[in-house]
Amino acid sequence: MKTMTSILLGTSLFAASLLGTDPARADVLEGLGRWSGSGTTLSPDGKPLGDFRVELTRSALGPDRVETRGTVTTGQGHVVPFRSLVTRTKEGYVTESARGKGHVACVEPGVCHSYEVDASGNGSSTTILVDSANRLRILVTELDKGKPVRLIWQTLSQP
């Protein structure tokens, strides 16, 4: 669970980073730099399974591509690195990580959603809420054959 959770966190954090500094629109190059935060992993019925801390850095790899690298530290002290990419294409934003590939779409200012699926067809669904230019709240639902198996709630901020 620790590795899967950290991969999902990396993916969701990366998707959230699309929102950057302007809650009214998504831009792949906004919100570059260091972000940190904490969260809780929950069972599908809301029972806490464990807390974690997140540290990440977003860097531009060109005008249409951003890389996010970071670590998740579990409550037990396990440190797991993650890496994600997002690319702006003609069709929209495409994400890629160890968890799989997917897309991100903003449904209104300050609210975005991403979905990634792996080679086995399992996925994660992420809702991203922008509270301000330097604070995000993120809810990831990990899915196994379409059924929720874990929820990951987190808050990120920039100094």
Protein backbone atom coordinates (compact mmCIF):
# COMPACT_ATOMS: atom_id res chain seq x y z
CA MET A 1 0.00 0.00 0.00
CA LYS A 2 2.79 2.47 0.81
CA THR A 3 4.25 2.40 -2.70
CA MET A 4 0.86 2.55 -4.43
CA THR A 5 -0.22 5.44 -2.24
CA SER A 6 2.95 7.38 -2.99
CA ILE A 7 2.59 6.80 -6.72
CA LEU A 8 -1.01 7.98 -6.60
CA LEU A 9 0.02 11.00 -4.57
CA GLY A 10 2.65 11.86 -7.12
CA THR A 11 0.14 11.58 -9.90
CA SER A 12 -2.50 13.64 -8.14
CA LEU A 13 -0.03 16.26 -7.02
CA PHE A 14 1.17 16.55 -10.55
CA ALA A 15 -2.37 16.93 -11.86
CA ALA A 16 -3.07 19.51 -9.19
CA SER A 17 -0.01 21.45 -10.19
CA LEU A 18 -1.70 22.31 -13.49
CA LEU A 19 -3.83 24.76 -11.58
CA GLY A 20 -0.86 26.78 -10.52
CA THR A 21 -1.28 30.34 -9.43
CA ASP A 22 -4.46 31.34 -11.24
CA PRO A 23 -7.57 29.46 -10.07
CA ALA A 24 -9.51 30.73 -13.09
CA ARG A 25 -7.49 28.74 -15.62
CA ALA A 26 -5.10 25.83 -15.96
CA ASP A 27 -1.65 26.40 -17.42
CA VAL A 28 1.07 23.79 -17.45
CA LEU A 29 3.78 26.35 -16.59
CA GLU A 30 2.04 27.90 -13.59
CA GLY A 31 2.83 26.86 -10.04
CA LEU A 32 6.46 25.96 -10.72
CA GLY A 33 8.75 25.57 -7.73
CA ARG A 34 8.53 23.85 -4.36
CA TRP A 35 5.27 22.61 -2.78
CA SER A 36 4.72 20.75 0.48
CA GLY A 37 1.85 19.38 2.47
CA SER A 38 0.30 16.54 4.38
CA GLY A 39 -2.60 14.18 4.17
CA THR A 40 -4.35 11.02 5.25
CA THR A 41 -5.03 7.74 3.50
CA LEU A 42 -8.55 6.40 4.18
CA SER A 43 -10.53 3.24 3.52
CA PRO A 44 -13.48 3.67 1.11
CA ASP A 45 -15.80 4.04 4.11
CA GLY A 46 -13.64 6.82 5.58
CA LYS A 47 -11.60 4.99 8.24
CA PRO A 48 -8.10 6.51 8.62
CA LEU A 49 -5.31 4.19 7.47
CA GLY A 50 -2.31 6.48 7.94
CA ASP A 51 -0.90 9.97 7.62
CA PHE A 52 1.88 11.22 5.33
CA ARG A 53 3.94 14.28 4.34
CA VAL A 54 4.72 15.38 0.79
CA GLU A 55 7.58 17.49 -0.62
CA LEU A 56 7.80 18.17 -4.37
CA THR A 57 9.35 20.44 -6.97
CA ARG A 58 7.79 21.30 -10.34
CA SER A 59 10.21 22.19 -13.18
CA ALA A 60 9.57 23.24 -16.79
CA LEU A 61 11.05 20.91 -19.42
CA GLY A 62 9.93 23.21 -22.24
CA PRO A 63 6.97 25.44 -23.09
CA ASP A 64 4.46 22.58 -22.99
CA ARG A 65 5.91 20.07 -20.51
CA VAL A 66 6.48 20.03 -16.76
CA GLU A 67 8.13 17.43 -14.56
CA THR A 68 7.26 16.93 -10.91
CA ARG A 69 9.69 15.13 -8.62
CA GLY A 70 9.18 14.59 -4.94
CA THR A 71 8.89 12.31 -1.98
CA VAL A 72 6.12 10.99 0.22
CA THR A 73 7.05 10.22 3.83
CA THR A 74 4.64 7.89 5.59
CA GLY A 75 3.78 8.06 9.27
CA GLN A 76 6.11 5.08 9.77
CA GLY A 77 9.02 7.06 8.27
CA HIS A 78 9.18 5.31 4.88
CA VAL A 79 10.32 7.72 2.17
CA VAL A 80 9.13 6.96 -1.36
CA PRO A 81 10.19 9.06 -4.36
CA PHE A 82 7.87 9.83 -7.26
CA ARG A 83 8.11 11.45 -10.70
CA SER A 84 5.35 12.61 -13.04
CA LEU A 85 5.07 14.44 -16.34
CA VAL A 86 2.33 16.57 -17.83
CA THR A 87 2.26 17.69 -21.43
CA ARG A 88 -0.02 20.22 -23.08
CA THR A 89 -1.25 18.81 -26.41
CA LYS A 90 -3.79 20.00 -28.98
CA GLU A 91 -6.36 17.75 -27.27
CA GLY A 92 -5.60 19.01 -23.73
CA TYR A 93 -3.35 17.97 -20.86
CA VAL A 94 -1.87 14.45 -20.81
CA THR A 95 -0.34 12.95 -17.64
CA GLU A 96 2.20 10.17 -17.35
CA SER A 97 3.64 8.48 -14.27
CA ALA A 98 4.53 5.06 -12.90
CA ARG A 99 0.78 4.67 -12.23
CA GLY A 100 -0.20 5.03 -15.87
CA LYS A 101 -1.42 7.65 -18.33
CA GLY A 102 -4.40 9.93 -18.31
CA HIS A 103 -5.92 13.35 -18.80
CA VAL A 104 -6.77 16.45 -16.77
CA ALA A 105 -9.73 18.78 -17.30
CA CYS A 106 -10.94 21.81 -15.36
CA VAL A 107 -14.71 21.92 -15.02
CA GLU A 108 -14.86 25.46 -13.65
CA PRO A 109 -12.47 27.99 -12.14
CA GLY A 110 -10.78 26.39 -9.15
CA VAL A 111 -12.10 22.84 -9.74
CA CYS A 112 -10.27 20.26 -11.84
CA HIS A 113 -10.41 16.51 -12.31
CA SER A 114 -7.89 13.97 -13.52
CA TYR A 115 -8.07 10.29 -14.31
CA GLU A 116 -5.20 7.88 -14.90
CA VAL A 117 -5.33 4.23 -15.84
CA ASP A 118 -2.59 1.59 -15.83
CA ALA A 119 -1.96 -1.27 -18.29
CA SER A 120 -4.28 -3.57 -16.27
CA GLY A 121 -7.18 -1.12 -16.51
CA ASN A 122 -7.07 -0.03 -12.87
CA GLY A 123 -7.08 3.67 -12.24
CA SER A 124 -7.30 6.65 -10.00
CA SER A 125 -9.72 9.55 -10.09
CA THR A 126 -8.61 12.88 -8.62
CA THR A 127 -10.58 16.01 -7.68
CA ILE A 128 -8.54 19.18 -7.18
CA LEU A 129 -9.84 22.27 -5.37
CA VAL A 130 -7.93 25.56 -5.55
CA ASP A 131 -8.31 27.53 -2.34
CA SER A 132 -5.83 30.25 -3.30
CA ALA A 133 -2.76 30.87 -5.47
CA ASN A 134 -0.61 28.91 -3.02
CA ARG A 135 -2.99 26.34 -1.47
CA LEU A 136 -4.66 23.25 -2.99
CA ARG A 137 -6.84 20.46 -1.59
CA ILE A 138 -6.84 17.12 -3.39
CA LEU A 139 -8.94 13.96 -3.10
CA VAL A 140 -7.72 10.82 -4.91
CA THR A 141 -9.93 7.75 -5.25
CA GLU A 142 -7.91 4.64 -6.07
CA LEU A 143 -9.95 2.17 -8.15
CA ASP A 144 -9.60 -1.58 -8.63
CA LYS A 145 -11.77 -2.83 -11.50
CA GLY A 146 -13.91 0.28 -11.12
CA LYS A 147 -14.49 -0.06 -7.36
CA PRO A 148 -12.97 2.32 -4.81
CA VAL A 149 -10.30 0.69 -2.64
CA ARG A 150 -8.63 3.70 -1.04
CA LEU A 151 -9.10 7.45 -0.62
CA ILE A 152 -6.19 9.87 -0.29
CA TRP A 153 -6.93 13.35 1.08
CA GLN A 154 -4.18 15.99 1.06
CA THR A 155 -3.49 19.68 1.30
CA LEU A 156 -0.54 21.34 -0.45
CA SER A 157 0.88 24.82 -0.17
CA GLN A 158 3.71 26.95 -1.51
CA PRO A 159 5.76 29.22 0.73
